[in-house]
Amino acid sequence: MNDDAIRALLSSVQPSGWIDRTPNTVAILRSRVAEAGGDPDAVSEWGRAHRGRVDRTPAYYRQGLGARPRQRERFGEEYYVVPTEALEP
């Protein structure tokens, strides 16, 4: 994927407003990029080249009873933190 294709893809994907991020950036879930038909690894490289980063949400736990009081519910999700200026043409 080239720069323009990745910009267009990221601009078309709904950012995640619930993820804590730095000002002037957007957080986009890796799973949404894959669902939109993008190459998550290419987007990862592009993001790093444009002063972005890849991060992961914390793992979720559920309260249980008995011998195993805390059980891992699921691993965190990877997401891209991309500066908004990188999404401008």
PDB file of N, CA and C in Angstrom:
ATOM      1  N   MET A   1       0.850  -1.178   0.000  1.00  0.00           N
ATOM      2  CA  MET A   1       0.000   0.000   0.000  1.00  0.00           C
ATOM      3  C   MET A   1       0.896   1.243   0.000  1.00  0.00           C
ATOM      4  N   ASN A   2       0.510   2.244  -0.776  1.00  0.00           N
ATOM      5  CA  ASN A   2       1.279   3.491  -0.791  1.00  0.00           C
ATOM      6  C   ASN A   2       0.713   4.486   0.230  1.00  0.00           C
ATOM      7  N   ASP A   3       1.416   5.620   0.387  1.00  0.00           N
ATOM      8  CA  ASP A   3       1.012   6.621   1.386  1.00  0.00           C
ATOM      9  C   ASP A   3      -0.425   7.091   1.220  1.00  0.00           C
ATOM     10  N   ASP A   4      -0.796   7.414  -0.009  1.00  0.00           N
ATOM     11  CA  ASP A   4      -2.149   7.934  -0.242  1.00  0.00           C
ATOM     12  C   ASP A   4      -3.219   6.888   0.063  1.00  0.00           C
ATOM     13  N   ALA A   5      -2.949   5.635  -0.280  1.00  0.00           N
ATOM     14  CA  ALA A   5      -3.923   4.568  -0.010  1.00  0.00           C
ATOM     15  C   ALA A   5      -4.091   4.365   1.504  1.00  0.00           C
ATOM     16  N   ILE A   6      -2.996   4.424   2.230  1.00  0.00           N
ATOM     17  CA  ILE A   6      -3.079   4.254   3.687  1.00  0.00           C
ATOM     18  C   ILE A   6      -3.783   5.439   4.331  1.00  0.00           C
ATOM     19  N   ARG A   7      -3.491   6.650   3.868  1.00  0.00           N
ATOM     20  CA  ARG A   7      -4.195   7.833   4.391  1.00  0.00           C
ATOM     21  C   ARG A   7      -5.693   7.720   4.157  1.00  0.00           C
ATOM     22  N   ALA A   8      -6.064   7.329   2.944  1.00  0.00           N
ATOM     23  CA  ALA A   8      -7.485   7.193   2.606  1.00  0.00           C
ATOM     24  C   ALA A   8      -8.141   6.114   3.467  1.00  0.00           C
ATOM     25  N   LEU A   9      -7.455   5.006   3.660  1.00  0.00           N
ATOM     26  CA  LEU A   9      -7.990   3.928   4.478  1.00  0.00           C
ATOM     27  C   LEU A   9      -8.185   4.388   5.923  1.00  0.00           C
ATOM     28  N   LEU A  10      -7.166   5.002   6.516  1.00  0.00           N
ATOM     29  CA  LEU A  10      -7.269   5.441   7.905  1.00  0.00           C
ATOM     30  C   LEU A  10      -8.307   6.539   8.085  1.00  0.00           C
ATOM     31  N   SER A  11      -8.463   7.385   7.082  1.00  0.00           N
ATOM     32  CA  SER A  11      -9.473   8.442   7.161  1.00  0.00           C
ATOM     33  C   SER A  11     -10.885   7.878   7.076  1.00  0.00           C
ATOM     34  N   SER A  12     -11.028   6.722   6.435  1.00  0.00           N
ATOM     35  CA  SER A  12     -12.361   6.122   6.282  1.00  0.00           C
ATOM     36  C   SER A  12     -12.775   5.272   7.483  1.00  0.00           C
ATOM     37  N   VAL A  13     -11.812   4.904   8.323  1.00  0.00           N
ATOM     38  CA  VAL A  13     -12.093   4.048   9.480  1.00  0.00           C
ATOM     39  C   VAL A  13     -12.451   4.929  10.675  1.00  0.00           C
ATOM     40  N   GLN A  14     -13.489   4.532  11.406  1.00  0.00           N
ATOM     41  CA  GLN A  14     -13.928   5.271  12.590  1.00  0.00           C
ATOM     42  C   GLN A  14     -12.882   5.168  13.695  1.00  0.00           C
ATOM     43  N   PRO A  15     -12.356   6.302  14.180  1.00  0.00           N
ATOM     44  CA  PRO A  15     -11.398   6.239  15.296  1.00  0.00           C
ATOM     45  C   PRO A  15     -12.091   5.809  16.584  1.00  0.00           C
ATOM     46  N   SER A  16     -11.313   5.294  17.500  1.00  0.00           N
ATOM     47  CA  SER A  16     -11.837   4.852  18.787  1.00  0.00           C
ATOM     48  C   SER A  16     -11.728   5.986  19.785  1.00  0.00           C
ATOM     49  N   GLY A  17     -12.835   6.551  20.172  1.00  0.00           N
ATOM     50  CA  GLY A  17     -12.843   7.673  21.095  1.00  0.00           C
ATOM     51  C   GLY A  17     -12.604   7.280  22.537  1.00  0.00           C
ATOM     52  N   TRP A  18     -12.773   6.021  22.877  1.00  0.00           N
ATOM     53  CA  TRP A  18     -12.631   5.579  24.261  1.00  0.00           C
ATOM     54  C   TRP A  18     -11.192   5.266  24.648  1.00  0.00           C
ATOM     55  N   ILE A  19     -10.280   5.225  23.675  1.00  0.00           N
ATOM     56  CA  ILE A  19      -8.874   4.934  23.975  1.00  0.00           C
ATOM     57  C   ILE A  19      -8.167   6.227  24.338  1.00  0.00           C
ATOM     58  N   ASP A  20      -7.469   6.209  25.476  1.00  0.00           N
ATOM     59  CA  ASP A  20      -6.707   7.369  25.925  1.00  0.00           C
ATOM     60  C   ASP A  20      -5.521   7.566  24.986  1.00  0.00           C
ATOM     61  N   ARG A  21      -5.348   8.771  24.509  1.00  0.00           N
ATOM     62  CA  ARG A  21      -4.275   9.050  23.564  1.00  0.00           C
ATOM     63  C   ARG A  21      -3.765  10.465  23.781  1.00  0.00           C
ATOM     64  N   THR A  22      -2.669  10.791  23.136  1.00  0.00           N
ATOM     65  CA  THR A  22      -2.094  12.123  23.262  1.00  0.00           C
ATOM     66  C   THR A  22      -2.875  13.113  22.398  1.00  0.00           C
ATOM     67  N   PRO A  23      -2.796  14.414  22.718  1.00  0.00           N
ATOM     68  CA  PRO A  23      -3.495  15.416  21.908  1.00  0.00           C
ATOM     69  C   PRO A  23      -3.010  15.411  20.453  1.00  0.00           C
ATOM     70  N   ASN A  24      -3.890  15.805  19.559  1.00  0.00           N
ATOM     71  CA  ASN A  24      -3.608  15.896  18.121  1.00  0.00           C
ATOM     72  C   ASN A  24      -3.270  14.550  17.488  1.00  0.00           C
ATOM     73  N   THR A  25      -3.843  13.491  18.033  1.00  0.00           N
ATOM     74  CA  THR A  25      -3.686  12.164  17.441  1.00  0.00           C
ATOM     75  C   THR A  25      -5.046  11.486  17.387  1.00  0.00           C
ATOM     76  N   VAL A  26      -5.138  10.431  16.598  1.00  0.00           N
ATOM     77  CA  VAL A  26      -6.325   9.576  16.579  1.00  0.00           C
ATOM     78  C   VAL A  26      -5.882   8.156  16.893  1.00  0.00           C
ATOM     79  N   ALA A  27      -6.743   7.414  17.536  1.00  0.00           N
ATOM     80  CA  ALA A  27      -6.486   6.007  17.855  1.00  0.00           C
ATOM     81  C   ALA A  27      -7.421   5.156  17.006  1.00  0.00           C
ATOM     82  N   ILE A  28      -6.835   4.248  16.234  1.00  0.00           N
ATOM     83  CA  ILE A  28      -7.613   3.404  15.325  1.00  0.00           C
ATOM     84  C   ILE A  28      -7.272   1.949  15.616  1.00  0.00           C
ATOM     85  N   LEU A  29      -8.292   1.147  15.874  1.00  0.00           N
ATOM     86  CA  LEU A  29      -8.081  -0.265  16.176  1.00  0.00           C
ATOM     87  C   LEU A  29      -7.539  -1.012  14.967  1.00  0.00           C
ATOM     88  N   ARG A  30      -6.573  -1.885  15.211  1.00  0.00           N
ATOM     89  CA  ARG A  30      -5.988  -2.719  14.158  1.00  0.00           C
ATOM     90  C   ARG A  30      -7.064  -3.594  13.511  1.00  0.00           C
ATOM     91  N   SER A  31      -7.993  -4.090  14.310  1.00  0.00           N
ATOM     92  CA  SER A  31      -9.052  -4.951  13.774  1.00  0.00           C
ATOM     93  C   SER A  31      -9.936  -4.202  12.777  1.00  0.00           C
ATOM     94  N   ARG A  32     -10.154  -2.905  13.013  1.00  0.00           N
ATOM     95  CA  ARG A  32     -10.971  -2.121  12.073  1.00  0.00           C
ATOM     96  C   ARG A  32     -10.240  -1.897  10.755  1.00  0.00           C
ATOM     97  N   VAL A  33      -8.925  -1.753  10.826  1.00  0.00           N
ATOM     98  CA  VAL A  33      -8.135  -1.611   9.600  1.00  0.00           C
ATOM     99  C   VAL A  33      -8.227  -2.894   8.779  1.00  0.00           C
ATOM    100  N   ALA A  34      -8.108  -4.030   9.450  1.00  0.00           N
ATOM    101  CA  ALA A  34      -8.204  -5.319   8.752  1.00  0.00           C
ATOM    102  C   ALA A  34      -9.598  -5.517   8.162  1.00  0.00           C
ATOM    103  N   GLU A  35     -10.645  -5.134   8.911  1.00  0.00           N
ATOM    104  CA  GLU A  35     -12.020  -5.259   8.416  1.00  0.00           C
ATOM    105  C   GLU A  35     -12.255  -4.390   7.191  1.00  0.00           C
ATOM    106  N   ALA A  36     -11.561  -3.243   7.119  1.00  0.00           N
ATOM    107  CA  ALA A  36     -11.715  -2.332   5.984  1.00  0.00           C
ATOM    108  C   ALA A  36     -10.890  -2.774   4.777  1.00  0.00           C
ATOM    109  N   GLY A  37     -10.172  -3.892   4.909  1.00  0.00           N
ATOM    110  CA  GLY A  37      -9.408  -4.414   3.781  1.00  0.00           C
ATOM    111  C   GLY A  37      -7.970  -3.943   3.728  1.00  0.00           C
ATOM    112  N   GLY A  38      -7.492  -3.306   4.786  1.00  0.00           N
ATOM    113  CA  GLY A  38      -6.119  -2.820   4.816  1.00  0.00           C
ATOM    114  C   GLY A  38      -5.141  -3.874   5.301  1.00  0.00           C
ATOM    115  N   ASP A  39      -3.875  -3.619   5.048  1.00  0.00           N
ATOM    116  CA  ASP A  39      -2.801  -4.489   5.515  1.00  0.00           C
ATOM    117  C   ASP A  39      -2.302  -3.934   6.845  1.00  0.00           C
ATOM    118  N   PRO A  40      -2.636  -4.574   7.970  1.00  0.00           N
ATOM    119  CA  PRO A  40      -2.262  -4.044   9.283  1.00  0.00           C
ATOM    120  C   PRO A  40      -0.759  -3.827   9.457  1.00  0.00           C
ATOM    121  N   ASP A  41       0.059  -4.696   8.885  1.00  0.00           N
ATOM    122  CA  ASP A  41       1.513  -4.542   9.023  1.00  0.00           C
ATOM    123  C   ASP A  41       2.021  -3.336   8.237  1.00  0.00           C
ATOM    124  N   ALA A  42       1.481  -3.110   7.050  1.00  0.00           N
ATOM    125  CA  ALA A  42       1.881  -1.938   6.254  1.00  0.00           C
ATOM    126  C   ALA A  42       1.451  -0.651   6.952  1.00  0.00           C
ATOM    127  N   VAL A  43       0.269  -0.654   7.565  1.00  0.00           N
ATOM    128  CA  VAL A  43      -0.210   0.517   8.295  1.00  0.00           C
ATOM    129  C   VAL A  43       0.676   0.767   9.516  1.00  0.00           C
ATOM    130  N   SER A  44       1.110  -0.295  10.145  1.00  0.00           N
ATOM    131  CA  SER A  44       2.005  -0.188  11.296  1.00  0.00           C
ATOM    132  C   SER A  44       3.313   0.507  10.905  1.00  0.00           C
ATOM    133  N   GLU A  45       3.918   0.066   9.833  1.00  0.00           N
ATOM    134  CA  GLU A  45       5.167   0.674   9.347  1.00  0.00           C
ATOM    135  C   GLU A  45       4.939   2.125   8.946  1.00  0.00           C
ATOM    136  N   TRP A  46       3.843   2.389   8.256  1.00  0.00           N
ATOM    137  CA  TRP A  46       3.532   3.750   7.821  1.00  0.00           C
ATOM    138  C   TRP A  46       3.356   4.656   9.033  1.00  0.00           C
ATOM    139  N   GLY A  47       2.648   4.174  10.035  1.00  0.00           N
ATOM    140  CA  GLY A  47       2.418   4.972  11.235  1.00  0.00           C
ATOM    141  C   GLY A  47       3.709   5.335  11.940  1.00  0.00           C
ATOM    142  N   ARG A  48       4.600   4.378  12.081  1.00  0.00           N
ATOM    143  CA  ARG A  48       5.891   4.651  12.724  1.00  0.00           C
ATOM    144  C   ARG A  48       6.709   5.653  11.919  1.00  0.00           C
ATOM    145  N   ALA A  49       6.627   5.573  10.610  1.00  0.00           N
ATOM    146  CA  ALA A  49       7.357   6.504   9.741  1.00  0.00           C
ATOM    147  C   ALA A  49       6.795   7.925   9.836  1.00  0.00           C
ATOM    148  N   HIS A  50       5.554   8.053  10.307  1.00  0.00           N
ATOM    149  CA  HIS A  50       4.909   9.363  10.432  1.00  0.00           C
ATOM    150  C   HIS A  50       4.721   9.766  11.896  1.00  0.00           C
ATOM    151  N   ARG A  51       5.647   9.351  12.744  1.00  0.00           N
ATOM    152  CA  ARG A  51       5.678   9.696  14.171  1.00  0.00           C
ATOM    153  C   ARG A  51       4.502   9.139  14.958  1.00  0.00           C
ATOM    154  N   GLY A  52       3.954   8.043  14.495  1.00  0.00           N
ATOM    155  CA  GLY A  52       2.891   7.367  15.230  1.00  0.00           C
ATOM    156  C   GLY A  52       3.459   6.173  15.978  1.00  0.00           C
ATOM    157  N   ARG A  53       2.582   5.388  16.546  1.00  0.00           N
ATOM    158  CA  ARG A  53       3.029   4.197  17.267  1.00  0.00           C
ATOM    159  C   ARG A  53       1.906   3.155  17.299  1.00  0.00           C
ATOM    160  N   VAL A  54       2.286   1.954  17.664  1.00  0.00           N
ATOM    161  CA  VAL A  54       1.326   0.873  17.874  1.00  0.00           C
ATOM    162  C   VAL A  54       1.291   0.612  19.372  1.00  0.00           C
ATOM    163  N   ASP A  55       0.100   0.470  19.909  1.00  0.00           N
ATOM    164  CA  ASP A  55      -0.061   0.234  21.340  1.00  0.00           C
ATOM    165  C   ASP A  55      -1.115  -0.847  21.529  1.00  0.00           C
ATOM    166  N   ARG A  56      -1.358  -1.226  22.759  1.00  0.00           N
ATOM    167  CA  ARG A  56      -2.336  -2.273  23.062  1.00  0.00           C
ATOM    168  C   ARG A  56      -3.151  -1.858  24.278  1.00  0.00           C
ATOM    169  N   THR A  57      -4.456  -2.118  24.211  1.00  0.00           N
ATOM    170  CA  THR A  57      -5.311  -1.856  25.364  1.00  0.00           C
ATOM    171  C   THR A  57      -4.989  -2.874  26.456  1.00  0.00           C
ATOM    172  N   PRO A  58      -5.293  -2.569  27.713  1.00  0.00           N
ATOM    173  CA  PRO A  58      -5.024  -3.535  28.784  1.00  0.00           C
ATOM    174  C   PRO A  58      -5.876  -4.796  28.624  1.00  0.00           C
ATOM    175  N   ALA A  59      -5.379  -5.893  29.160  1.00  0.00           N
ATOM    176  CA  ALA A  59      -6.147  -7.138  29.155  1.00  0.00           C
ATOM    177  C   ALA A  59      -7.360  -6.977  30.067  1.00  0.00           C
ATOM    178  N   TYR A  60      -8.414  -7.671  29.740  1.00  0.00           N
ATOM    179  CA  TYR A  60      -9.629  -7.620  30.546  1.00  0.00           C
ATOM    180  C   TYR A  60      -9.697  -8.858  31.429  1.00  0.00           C
ATOM    181  N   TYR A  61     -10.138  -8.684  32.651  1.00  0.00           N
ATOM    182  CA  TYR A  61     -10.284  -9.790  33.576  1.00  0.00           C
ATOM    183  C   TYR A  61     -11.732  -9.868  34.039  1.00  0.00           C
ATOM    184  N   ARG A  62     -12.131 -11.031  34.462  1.00  0.00           N
ATOM    185  CA  ARG A  62     -13.458 -11.178  35.054  1.00  0.00           C
ATOM    186  C   ARG A  62     -13.298 -11.795  36.427  1.00  0.00           C
ATOM    187  N   GLN A  63     -14.184 -11.439  37.304  1.00  0.00           N
ATOM    188  CA  GLN A  63     -14.151 -11.959  38.658  1.00  0.00           C
ATOM    189  C   GLN A  63     -14.757 -13.344  38.671  1.00  0.00           C
ATOM    190  N   GLY A  64     -14.054 -14.295  39.264  1.00  0.00           N
ATOM    191  CA  GLY A  64     -14.565 -15.657  39.360  1.00  0.00           C
ATOM    192  C   GLY A  64     -14.689 -16.083  40.804  1.00  0.00           C
ATOM    193  N   LEU A  65     -15.256 -17.218  41.018  1.00  0.00           N
ATOM    194  CA  LEU A  65     -15.415 -17.759  42.363  1.00  0.00           C
ATOM    195  C   LEU A  65     -14.569 -19.023  42.496  1.00  0.00           C
ATOM    196  N   GLY A  66     -14.221 -19.368  43.699  1.00  0.00           N
ATOM    197  CA  GLY A  66     -13.502 -20.612  43.923  1.00  0.00           C
ATOM    198  C   GLY A  66     -11.999 -20.430  43.880  1.00  0.00           C
ATOM    199  N   ALA A  67     -11.310 -21.459  43.421  1.00  0.00           N
ATOM    200  CA  ALA A  67      -9.848 -21.502  43.466  1.00  0.00           C
ATOM    201  C   ALA A  67      -9.186 -20.505  42.508  1.00  0.00           C
ATOM    202  N   ARG A  68      -9.886 -20.083  41.478  1.00  0.00           N
ATOM    203  CA  ARG A  68      -9.313 -19.157  40.493  1.00  0.00           C
ATOM    204  C   ARG A  68     -10.117 -17.859  40.497  1.00  0.00           C
ATOM    205  N   PRO A  69      -9.835 -16.956  41.453  1.00  0.00           N
ATOM    206  CA  PRO A  69     -10.665 -15.756  41.586  1.00  0.00           C
ATOM    207  C   PRO A  69     -10.560 -14.776  40.418  1.00  0.00           C
ATOM    208  N   ARG A  70      -9.420 -14.734  39.726  1.00  0.00           N
ATOM    209  CA  ARG A  70      -9.299 -13.836  38.577  1.00  0.00           C
ATOM    210  C   ARG A  70      -8.910 -14.649  37.353  1.00  0.00           C
ATOM    211  N   GLN A  71      -9.729 -14.598  36.363  1.00  0.00           N
ATOM    212  CA  GLN A  71      -9.459 -15.334  35.130  1.00  0.00           C
ATOM    213  C   GLN A  71      -9.331 -14.342  33.990  1.00  0.00           C
ATOM    214  N   ARG A  72      -8.344 -14.555  33.145  1.00  0.00           N
ATOM    215  CA  ARG A  72      -8.154 -13.668  31.998  1.00  0.00           C
ATOM    216  C   ARG A  72      -9.326 -13.842  31.040  1.00  0.00           C
ATOM    217  N   GLU A  73      -9.986 -12.757  30.766  1.00  0.00           N
ATOM    218  CA  GLU A  73     -11.126 -12.778  29.858  1.00  0.00           C
ATOM    219  C   GLU A  73     -10.642 -12.718  28.409  1.00  0.00           C
ATOM    220  N   ARG A  74      -9.756 -11.760  28.140  1.00  0.00           N
ATOM    221  CA  ARG A  74      -9.201 -11.657  26.784  1.00  0.00           C
ATOM    222  C   ARG A  74      -8.000 -10.733  26.805  1.00  0.00           C
ATOM    223  N   PHE A  75      -7.167 -10.882  25.803  1.00  0.00           N
ATOM    224  CA  PHE A  75      -5.997 -10.026  25.676  1.00  0.00           C
ATOM    225  C   PHE A  75      -6.436  -8.660  25.177  1.00  0.00           C
ATOM    226  N   GLY A  76      -5.609  -7.661  25.389  1.00  0.00           N
ATOM    227  CA  GLY A  76      -5.923  -6.333  24.886  1.00  0.00           C
ATOM    228  C   GLY A  76      -5.868  -6.297  23.369  1.00  0.00           C
ATOM    229  N   GLU A  77      -6.454  -5.254  22.803  1.00  0.00           N
ATOM    230  CA  GLU A  77      -6.461  -5.086  21.355  1.00  0.00           C
ATOM    231  C   GLU A  77      -5.372  -4.122  20.922  1.00  0.00           C
ATOM    232  N   GLU A  78      -4.727  -4.425  19.812  1.00  0.00           N
ATOM    233  CA  GLU A  78      -3.737  -3.506  19.268  1.00  0.00           C
ATOM    234  C   GLU A  78      -4.446  -2.359  18.566  1.00  0.00           C
ATOM    235  N   TYR A  79      -3.832  -1.190  18.656  1.00  0.00           N
ATOM    236  CA  TYR A  79      -4.365  -0.027  17.952  1.00  0.00           C
ATOM    237  C   TYR A  79      -3.212   0.871  17.533  1.00  0.00           C
ATOM    238  N   TYR A  80      -3.500   1.705  16.538  1.00  0.00           N
ATOM    239  CA  TYR A  80      -2.523   2.662  16.027  1.00  0.00           C
ATOM    240  C   TYR A  80      -2.830   4.031  16.606  1.00  0.00           C
ATOM    241  N   VAL A  81      -1.799   4.739  17.024  1.00  0.00           N
ATOM    242  CA  VAL A  81      -1.936   6.135  17.414  1.00  0.00           C
ATOM    243  C   VAL A  81      -1.237   6.932  16.322  1.00  0.00           C
ATOM    244  N   VAL A  82      -2.025   7.711  15.574  1.00  0.00           N
ATOM    245  CA  VAL A  82      -1.518   8.418  14.404  1.00  0.00           C
ATOM    246  C   VAL A  82      -1.736   9.915  14.587  1.00  0.00           C
ATOM    247  N   PRO A  83      -0.699  10.731  14.343  1.00  0.00           N
ATOM    248  CA  PRO A  83      -0.897  12.185  14.399  1.00  0.00           C
ATOM    249  C   PRO A  83      -1.908  12.622  13.336  1.00  0.00           C
ATOM    250  N   THR A  84      -2.792  13.532  13.712  1.00  0.00           N
ATOM    251  CA  THR A  84      -3.812  13.971  12.759  1.00  0.00           C
ATOM    252  C   THR A  84      -3.192  14.643  11.531  1.00  0.00           C
ATOM    253  N   GLU A  85      -2.047  15.288  11.707  1.00  0.00           N
ATOM    254  CA  GLU A  85      -1.397  15.944  10.558  1.00  0.00           C
ATOM    255  C   GLU A  85      -0.915  14.919   9.520  1.00  0.00           C
ATOM    256  N   ALA A  86      -0.641  13.691   9.937  1.00  0.00           N
ATOM    257  CA  ALA A  86      -0.203  12.660   8.997  1.00  0.00           C
ATOM    258  C   ALA A  86      -1.339  12.196   8.099  1.00  0.00           C
ATOM    259  N   LEU A  87      -2.575  12.429   8.536  1.00  0.00           N
ATOM    260  CA  LEU A  87      -3.729  12.003   7.733  1.00  0.00           C
ATOM    261  C   LEU A  87      -4.138  13.052   6.699  1.00  0.00           C
ATOM    262  N   GLU A  88      -3.536  14.232   6.774  1.00  0.00           N
ATOM    263  CA  GLU A  88      -3.852  15.287   5.806  1.00  0.00           C
ATOM    264  C   GLU A  88      -3.043  15.067   4.553  1.00  0.00           C
ATOM    265  N   PRO A  89      -3.682  15.281   3.385  1.00  0.00           N
ATOM    266  CA  PRO A  89      -2.953  15.070   2.111  1.00  0.00           C
ATOM    267  C   PRO A  89      -1.866  16.091   1.858  1.00  0.00           C
TER     268      PRO A  89
END
